[in-house]
């Protein structure tokens, strides 16, 4: 083979590997984009009172909830503490 043929083959191999790498990269990027798009809306505000400052404990005073609480838990809630007992 002469020098021009070797150069053409080498250029073809380099071009093919670059194209293959681009296809693989695009596939990986689109796969992560799909997963990111499918999780939209999972971060929601779970606080009942959105006007309350974050980090401030607000006890659940619902009668159905109160009926299942222990006296120790109710005492912690009444003191404004985040309950640590069941």
Protein backbone atom coordinates (compact mmCIF):
# COMPACT_ATOMS: atom_id res chain seq x y z
CA UNK A 1 0.00 0.00 0.00
CA UNK A 2 1.12 3.46 -0.69
CA UNK A 3 1.06 6.39 1.74
CA UNK A 4 -2.19 7.87 0.42
CA UNK A 5 -4.12 4.62 0.90
CA UNK A 6 -2.83 4.22 4.47
CA UNK A 7 -3.75 7.80 5.23
CA UNK A 8 -7.28 7.31 3.82
CA UNK A 9 -7.80 4.12 5.84
CA UNK A 10 -6.55 5.79 9.02
CA UNK A 11 -8.80 8.81 8.41
CA UNK A 12 -11.77 6.47 7.86
CA UNK A 13 -11.05 4.58 11.10
CA UNK A 14 -10.71 7.81 13.09
CA UNK A 15 -13.95 9.17 11.61
CA UNK A 16 -15.82 5.92 12.33
CA UNK A 17 -14.62 5.83 15.94
CA UNK A 18 -15.60 9.47 16.46
CA UNK A 19 -19.05 8.81 14.99
CA UNK A 20 -19.47 5.71 17.16
CA UNK A 21 -18.43 7.63 20.27
CA UNK A 22 -20.89 10.40 19.42
CA UNK A 23 -23.72 7.90 19.01
CA UNK A 24 -22.88 6.20 22.31
CA UNK A 25 -22.62 9.55 24.10
CA UNK A 26 -25.91 10.78 22.68
CA UNK A 27 -27.61 7.53 23.70
CA UNK A 28 -26.32 7.82 27.24
CA UNK A 29 -27.30 11.47 27.47
CA UNK A 30 -30.82 10.84 26.20
CA UNK A 31 -31.26 7.93 28.63
CA UNK A 32 -30.36 10.10 31.61
CA UNK A 33 -32.57 12.89 30.30
CA UNK A 34 -35.53 10.52 30.09
CA UNK A 35 -35.04 9.43 33.68
CA UNK A 36 -34.69 13.01 34.86
CA UNK A 37 -37.84 14.06 33.03
CA UNK A 38 -39.85 11.17 34.46
CA UNK A 39 -39.17 12.28 38.02
CA UNK A 40 -40.58 15.77 37.61
CA UNK A 41 -42.91 16.73 40.42
CA UNK A 42 -41.62 14.33 43.06
CA UNK A 43 -40.34 17.13 45.26
CA UNK A 44 -43.57 18.44 46.73
CA UNK A 45 -44.34 20.51 49.77
CA UNK A 46 -45.46 17.97 52.37
CA UNK A 47 -46.19 20.52 55.09
CA UNK A 48 -49.87 21.07 55.69
CA UNK A 49 -49.35 24.74 56.48
CA UNK A 50 -47.12 26.19 53.76
CA UNK A 51 -46.89 29.54 55.57
CA UNK A 52 -45.14 27.95 58.55
CA UNK A 53 -41.38 28.43 58.68
CA UNK A 54 -39.28 25.36 57.89
CA UNK A 55 -37.85 23.56 60.90
CA UNK A 56 -40.75 24.54 63.18
CA UNK A 57 -42.62 21.52 64.57
CA UNK A 58 -46.41 21.56 64.33
CA UNK A 59 -48.19 18.69 66.06
CA UNK A 60 -51.03 16.77 64.44
CA UNK A 61 -54.13 17.57 66.48
CA UNK A 62 -56.49 15.45 64.42
CA UNK A 63 -58.81 13.48 66.79
CA UNK A 64 -58.11 10.18 65.00
CA UNK A 65 -54.37 10.75 65.38
CA UNK A 66 -54.66 11.85 68.99
CA UNK A 67 -56.52 8.63 69.93
CA UNK A 68 -53.51 6.51 68.91
CA UNK A 69 -50.81 8.57 70.66
CA UNK A 70 -49.05 7.63 73.85
CA UNK A 71 -49.05 10.05 76.77
CA UNK A 72 -45.30 10.60 76.37
CA UNK A 73 -45.68 11.54 72.70
CA UNK A 74 -48.54 13.91 73.45
CA UNK A 75 -46.48 15.57 76.19
CA UNK A 76 -43.62 16.16 73.73
CA UNK A 77 -46.02 17.61 71.16
CA UNK A 78 -47.62 19.87 73.76
CA UNK A 79 -44.16 21.13 74.71
CA UNK A 80 -43.52 22.06 71.07
CA UNK A 81 -40.91 19.33 70.63
CA UNK A 82 -40.61 16.95 67.71
CA UNK A 83 -41.75 13.57 69.12
CA UNK A 84 -39.05 10.97 69.67
CA UNK A 85 -41.27 8.31 71.26
CA UNK A 86 -44.00 6.28 69.53
